[in-house]
């Protein structure tokens, strides 16, 4: 759950506040924050999500997804929501989006 920031000017690394939950795989930058969504811890897929505020150097909880997912894509959609395309072994299972204002995940398909 360690997080490191690279300074492009000084070419040095600085350790930042660790994530609340150890995870691998899914990260996206959105509206000045870093979101860690789902992912994998050991052999377990995760449904939890958290976001990092670089100004305060803190992680905070965001609503978890309805199902555990580790192999999928996530992207910023229309500056107001995140789009998550959930894919398992090349078979598209579902698409979800979250509205930042409401903080909820919705299934699209």
N, C-alpha and C. Protein backbone atom coordinates (compact mmCIF):
# COMPACT_ATOMS: atom_id res chain seq x y z
N UNK A 1 0.81 -1.20 0.00
CA UNK A 1 0.00 0.00 0.00
C UNK A 1 0.86 1.27 0.00
N UNK A 2 2.15 1.12 -0.26
CA UNK A 2 3.05 2.26 -0.31
C UNK A 2 2.84 3.10 -1.56
N UNK A 3 2.99 4.39 -1.40
CA UNK A 3 2.82 5.33 -2.51
C UNK A 3 4.03 6.25 -2.56
N UNK A 4 4.58 6.41 -3.76
CA UNK A 4 5.77 7.25 -3.93
C UNK A 4 5.51 8.28 -5.02
N UNK A 5 6.04 9.49 -4.83
CA UNK A 5 5.90 10.56 -5.81
C UNK A 5 7.28 10.90 -6.36
N UNK A 6 7.36 11.01 -7.68
CA UNK A 6 8.62 11.36 -8.34
C UNK A 6 8.63 12.84 -8.68
N UNK A 7 9.68 13.56 -8.29
CA UNK A 7 9.83 14.97 -8.58
C UNK A 7 10.64 15.10 -9.87
N UNK A 8 10.02 15.65 -10.91
CA UNK A 8 10.67 15.77 -12.21
C UNK A 8 11.79 16.80 -12.22
N UNK A 9 11.76 17.74 -11.30
CA UNK A 9 12.79 18.78 -11.24
C UNK A 9 14.04 18.27 -10.54
N UNK A 10 13.86 17.66 -9.36
CA UNK A 10 15.01 17.21 -8.57
C UNK A 10 15.41 15.77 -8.85
N UNK A 11 14.57 15.06 -9.62
CA UNK A 11 14.81 13.64 -9.94
C UNK A 11 14.96 12.81 -8.66
N UNK A 12 14.07 13.05 -7.72
CA UNK A 12 14.08 12.30 -6.46
C UNK A 12 12.69 11.74 -6.18
N UNK A 13 12.66 10.69 -5.38
CA UNK A 13 11.41 10.06 -4.96
C UNK A 13 11.10 10.47 -3.53
N UNK A 14 9.80 10.64 -3.24
CA UNK A 14 9.35 10.97 -1.89
C UNK A 14 8.20 10.04 -1.51
N UNK A 15 8.29 9.43 -0.36
CA UNK A 15 7.22 8.55 0.10
C UNK A 15 6.04 9.38 0.57
N UNK A 16 4.84 9.01 0.11
CA UNK A 16 3.62 9.72 0.48
C UNK A 16 2.81 8.85 1.44
N UNK A 17 1.68 9.35 1.85
CA UNK A 17 0.79 8.61 2.74
C UNK A 17 0.36 7.30 2.06
N UNK A 18 0.40 6.17 2.76
CA UNK A 18 0.04 4.89 2.14
C UNK A 18 -1.47 4.76 1.92
N UNK A 19 -1.85 3.94 0.95
CA UNK A 19 -3.26 3.66 0.73
C UNK A 19 -3.84 2.98 1.97
N UNK A 20 -5.16 3.09 2.14
CA UNK A 20 -5.82 2.46 3.27
C UNK A 20 -5.83 0.95 3.14
N UNK A 21 -5.92 0.48 1.89
CA UNK A 21 -5.97 -0.96 1.62
C UNK A 21 -4.95 -1.30 0.55
N UNK A 22 -4.14 -2.31 0.80
CA UNK A 22 -3.17 -2.74 -0.21
C UNK A 22 -3.90 -3.25 -1.43
N UNK A 23 -3.43 -2.85 -2.61
CA UNK A 23 -4.07 -3.30 -3.85
C UNK A 23 -3.09 -3.15 -5.00
N UNK A 24 -3.34 -3.89 -6.04
CA UNK A 24 -2.57 -3.78 -7.27
C UNK A 24 -3.55 -3.52 -8.41
N UNK A 25 -3.07 -2.91 -9.43
CA UNK A 25 -3.70 -2.76 -10.74
C UNK A 25 -4.35 -1.40 -11.01
N UNK A 26 -5.55 -1.09 -10.57
CA UNK A 26 -6.32 0.01 -11.14
C UNK A 26 -6.15 1.36 -10.48
N UNK A 27 -5.64 2.32 -11.25
CA UNK A 27 -5.48 3.69 -10.76
C UNK A 27 -5.84 4.64 -11.90
N UNK A 28 -6.50 5.75 -11.57
CA UNK A 28 -6.79 6.78 -12.57
C UNK A 28 -6.70 8.15 -11.90
N UNK A 29 -6.19 9.13 -12.64
CA UNK A 29 -6.15 10.51 -12.14
C UNK A 29 -7.42 11.21 -12.60
N UNK A 30 -8.07 11.92 -11.67
CA UNK A 30 -9.36 12.54 -11.96
C UNK A 30 -9.55 13.76 -11.08
N UNK A 31 -9.70 14.92 -11.69
CA UNK A 31 -9.96 16.18 -10.99
C UNK A 31 -8.95 16.46 -9.88
N UNK A 32 -7.68 16.22 -10.17
CA UNK A 32 -6.63 16.53 -9.22
C UNK A 32 -6.43 15.51 -8.12
N UNK A 33 -7.15 14.40 -8.16
CA UNK A 33 -7.02 13.34 -7.17
C UNK A 33 -6.63 12.06 -7.89
N UNK A 34 -6.12 11.10 -7.15
CA UNK A 34 -5.79 9.79 -7.70
C UNK A 34 -6.77 8.78 -7.11
N UNK A 35 -7.45 8.04 -7.98
CA UNK A 35 -8.43 7.05 -7.54
C UNK A 35 -7.86 5.65 -7.73
N UNK A 36 -7.95 4.84 -6.68
CA UNK A 36 -7.58 3.42 -6.72
C UNK A 36 -8.89 2.65 -6.59
N UNK A 37 -9.26 1.94 -7.64
CA UNK A 37 -10.59 1.33 -7.70
C UNK A 37 -10.46 -0.17 -7.92
N UNK A 38 -11.14 -0.94 -7.05
CA UNK A 38 -11.07 -2.39 -7.18
C UNK A 38 -9.63 -2.85 -7.12
N UNK A 39 -9.27 -3.73 -8.03
CA UNK A 39 -7.90 -4.24 -8.05
C UNK A 39 -7.78 -5.59 -7.38
N UNK A 40 -6.57 -5.90 -6.97
CA UNK A 40 -6.30 -7.24 -6.43
C UNK A 40 -5.36 -7.13 -5.25
N UNK A 41 -5.65 -7.94 -4.24
CA UNK A 41 -4.75 -8.09 -3.09
C UNK A 41 -4.49 -9.58 -2.92
N UNK A 42 -3.28 -10.01 -3.21
CA UNK A 42 -2.99 -11.45 -3.17
C UNK A 42 -3.80 -12.15 -4.24
N UNK A 43 -4.63 -13.11 -3.82
CA UNK A 43 -5.49 -13.84 -4.76
C UNK A 43 -6.93 -13.35 -4.70
N UNK A 44 -7.16 -12.22 -4.04
CA UNK A 44 -8.52 -11.73 -3.81
C UNK A 44 -8.80 -10.47 -4.64
N UNK A 45 -9.91 -10.51 -5.40
CA UNK A 45 -10.36 -9.32 -6.11
C UNK A 45 -11.04 -8.39 -5.11
N UNK A 46 -10.94 -7.09 -5.35
CA UNK A 46 -11.49 -6.10 -4.43
C UNK A 46 -12.64 -5.34 -5.06
N UNK A 47 -13.57 -4.88 -4.22
CA UNK A 47 -14.64 -4.00 -4.68
C UNK A 47 -14.46 -2.59 -4.11
N UNK A 48 -13.57 -2.45 -3.15
CA UNK A 48 -13.38 -1.17 -2.47
C UNK A 48 -12.71 -0.15 -3.39
N UNK A 49 -12.83 1.10 -3.02
CA UNK A 49 -12.21 2.19 -3.78
C UNK A 49 -11.81 3.30 -2.80
N UNK A 50 -10.75 3.99 -3.15
CA UNK A 50 -10.30 5.11 -2.33
C UNK A 50 -9.65 6.14 -3.23
N UNK A 51 -9.53 7.35 -2.73
CA UNK A 51 -8.94 8.44 -3.52
C UNK A 51 -7.90 9.16 -2.69
N UNK A 52 -6.92 9.71 -3.39
CA UNK A 52 -5.81 10.41 -2.75
C UNK A 52 -5.88 11.89 -3.06
N UNK A 53 -5.78 12.71 -2.02
CA UNK A 53 -5.74 14.16 -2.17
C UNK A 53 -4.29 14.61 -1.99
N UNK A 54 -3.62 15.03 -3.07
CA UNK A 54 -2.21 15.40 -2.95
C UNK A 54 -1.97 16.67 -2.13
N UNK A 55 -2.97 17.51 -1.98
CA UNK A 55 -2.82 18.73 -1.19
C UNK A 55 -2.69 18.40 0.29
N UNK A 56 -3.52 17.45 0.77
CA UNK A 56 -3.50 17.08 2.19
C UNK A 56 -2.67 15.82 2.45
N UNK A 57 -2.20 15.15 1.37
CA UNK A 57 -1.44 13.91 1.49
C UNK A 57 -2.23 12.85 2.26
N UNK A 58 -3.53 12.73 1.94
CA UNK A 58 -4.38 11.76 2.62
C UNK A 58 -5.22 10.98 1.61
N UNK A 59 -5.53 9.74 1.99
CA UNK A 59 -6.44 8.88 1.24
C UNK A 59 -7.80 8.92 1.93
N UNK A 60 -8.88 8.86 1.15
CA UNK A 60 -10.22 8.82 1.73
C UNK A 60 -11.06 7.81 0.95
N UNK A 61 -12.05 7.25 1.65
CA UNK A 61 -12.93 6.25 1.04
C UNK A 61 -13.85 6.89 0.02
N UNK A 62 -14.10 6.17 -1.06
CA UNK A 62 -15.15 6.52 -2.01
C UNK A 62 -16.03 5.29 -2.13
N UNK A 63 -17.27 5.42 -2.61
CA UNK A 63 -18.16 4.26 -2.65
C UNK A 63 -17.54 3.08 -3.40
N UNK A 64 -17.72 1.90 -2.82
CA UNK A 64 -17.17 0.70 -3.47
C UNK A 64 -18.08 0.26 -4.60
N UNK A 65 -17.51 -0.52 -5.51
CA UNK A 65 -18.28 -1.05 -6.63
C UNK A 65 -19.18 -2.17 -6.13
N UNK A 66 -20.20 -2.49 -6.93
CA UNK A 66 -21.15 -3.52 -6.53
C UNK A 66 -20.57 -4.92 -6.51
N UNK A 67 -19.52 -5.16 -7.28
CA UNK A 67 -18.90 -6.48 -7.37
C UNK A 67 -17.39 -6.35 -7.28
N UNK A 68 -16.73 -7.44 -6.94
CA UNK A 68 -15.27 -7.46 -6.88
C UNK A 68 -14.71 -7.57 -8.30
N UNK A 69 -13.75 -6.69 -8.62
CA UNK A 69 -13.16 -6.72 -9.95
C UNK A 69 -11.68 -6.37 -9.87
N UNK A 70 -10.89 -7.04 -10.70
CA UNK A 70 -9.47 -6.70 -10.72
C UNK A 70 -8.94 -6.46 -12.13
N UNK A 71 -9.53 -7.06 -13.13
CA UNK A 71 -9.04 -6.89 -14.50
C UNK A 71 -10.08 -6.13 -15.30
N UNK A 72 -9.92 -4.82 -15.35
CA UNK A 72 -10.85 -3.98 -16.09
C UNK A 72 -10.18 -2.66 -16.41
N UNK A 73 -10.86 -1.84 -17.17
CA UNK A 73 -10.36 -0.52 -17.53
C UNK A 73 -11.19 0.54 -16.84
N UNK A 74 -10.57 1.66 -16.53
CA UNK A 74 -11.31 2.77 -15.93
C UNK A 74 -10.84 4.05 -16.61
N UNK A 75 -11.76 4.95 -16.87
CA UNK A 75 -11.42 6.19 -17.58
C UNK A 75 -12.30 7.33 -17.09
N UNK A 76 -11.86 8.54 -17.33
CA UNK A 76 -12.65 9.72 -17.01
C UNK A 76 -13.65 9.94 -18.14
N UNK A 77 -14.91 10.19 -17.76
CA UNK A 77 -15.96 10.38 -18.74
C UNK A 77 -16.63 11.73 -18.49
N UNK A 78 -16.65 12.59 -19.42
CA UNK A 78 -17.30 13.90 -19.42
C UNK A 78 -17.02 14.76 -18.18
N UNK A 79 -15.88 14.65 -17.58
CA UNK A 79 -15.40 15.46 -16.46
C UNK A 79 -16.28 15.36 -15.21
N UNK A 80 -17.36 14.60 -15.22
CA UNK A 80 -18.23 14.50 -14.06
C UNK A 80 -18.31 13.09 -13.50
N UNK A 81 -17.78 12.12 -14.20
CA UNK A 81 -17.91 10.76 -13.70
C UNK A 81 -16.76 9.89 -14.21
N UNK A 82 -16.61 8.75 -13.55
CA UNK A 82 -15.63 7.75 -13.96
C UNK A 82 -16.38 6.62 -14.64
N UNK A 83 -15.83 6.09 -15.69
CA UNK A 83 -16.43 4.96 -16.39
C UNK A 83 -15.55 3.75 -16.18
N UNK A 84 -16.15 2.67 -15.73
CA UNK A 84 -15.42 1.43 -15.50
C UNK A 84 -15.96 0.36 -16.41
N UNK A 85 -15.13 -0.17 -17.29
CA UNK A 85 -15.52 -1.28 -18.15
C UNK A 85 -14.93 -2.55 -17.56
N UNK A 86 -15.78 -3.41 -17.09
CA UNK A 86 -15.36 -4.60 -16.38
C UNK A 86 -15.22 -5.74 -17.36
N UNK A 87 -14.02 -6.30 -17.41
CA UNK A 87 -13.74 -7.36 -18.36
C UNK A 87 -13.03 -8.50 -17.65
N UNK A 88 -13.52 -9.70 -17.84
CA UNK A 88 -12.90 -10.89 -17.27
C UNK A 88 -12.56 -11.83 -18.41
N UNK A 89 -11.27 -12.09 -18.60
CA UNK A 89 -10.83 -13.05 -19.61
C UNK A 89 -11.39 -12.72 -20.99
N UNK A 90 -11.32 -11.47 -21.41
CA UNK A 90 -11.75 -10.94 -22.70
C UNK A 90 -13.26 -10.97 -22.92
N UNK A 91 -14.06 -11.30 -21.92
CA UNK A 91 -15.51 -11.27 -22.07
C UNK A 91 -16.05 -10.09 -21.27
N UNK A 92 -16.65 -9.11 -21.95
CA UNK A 92 -17.17 -7.94 -21.27
C UNK A 92 -18.37 -8.35 -20.43
N UNK A 93 -18.28 -8.15 -19.13
CA UNK A 93 -19.36 -8.54 -18.24
C UNK A 93 -20.29 -7.38 -17.93
N UNK A 94 -19.76 -6.21 -17.70
CA UNK A 94 -20.62 -5.09 -17.34
C UNK A 94 -19.89 -3.78 -17.50
N UNK A 95 -20.63 -2.71 -17.51
CA UNK A 95 -20.06 -1.37 -17.52
C UNK A 95 -20.72 -0.59 -16.40
N UNK A 96 -19.92 0.13 -15.64
CA UNK A 96 -20.44 0.90 -14.52
C UNK A 96 -19.92 2.32 -14.62
N UNK A 97 -20.68 3.23 -14.06
CA UNK A 97 -20.21 4.61 -13.97
C UNK A 97 -20.53 5.13 -12.58
N UNK A 98 -19.77 6.10 -12.14
CA UNK A 98 -20.05 6.74 -10.86
C UNK A 98 -20.18 8.23 -11.09
N UNK A 99 -21.18 8.82 -10.48
CA UNK A 99 -21.34 10.26 -10.53
C UNK A 99 -20.68 10.83 -9.29
N UNK A 100 -19.71 11.69 -9.47
CA UNK A 100 -18.96 12.22 -8.34
C UNK A 100 -19.87 12.97 -7.37
N UNK A 101 -20.86 13.66 -7.87
CA UNK A 101 -21.74 14.45 -7.02
C UNK A 101 -22.49 13.54 -6.05
N UNK A 102 -23.02 12.42 -6.54
CA UNK A 102 -23.77 11.50 -5.70
C UNK A 102 -22.88 10.47 -5.04
N UNK A 103 -21.74 10.19 -5.64
CA UNK A 103 -20.83 9.21 -5.06
C UNK A 103 -21.35 7.79 -5.12
N UNK A 104 -22.10 7.45 -6.15
CA UNK A 104 -22.68 6.12 -6.29
C UNK A 104 -22.27 5.50 -7.61
N UNK A 105 -22.14 4.17 -7.62
CA UNK A 105 -21.86 3.44 -8.86
C UNK A 105 -23.18 2.99 -9.47
N UNK A 106 -23.33 3.12 -10.79
CA UNK A 106 -24.51 2.67 -11.50
C UNK A 106 -24.10 1.72 -12.61
N UNK A 107 -24.88 0.64 -12.78
CA UNK A 107 -24.62 -0.29 -13.89
C UNK A 107 -25.21 0.29 -15.17
N UNK A 108 -24.42 0.24 -16.24
CA UNK A 108 -24.88 0.71 -17.55
C UNK A 108 -25.29 -0.45 -18.44
N UNK A 109 -24.67 -1.60 -18.24
CA UNK A 109 -25.00 -2.75 -19.08
C UNK A 109 -24.79 -4.02 -18.29
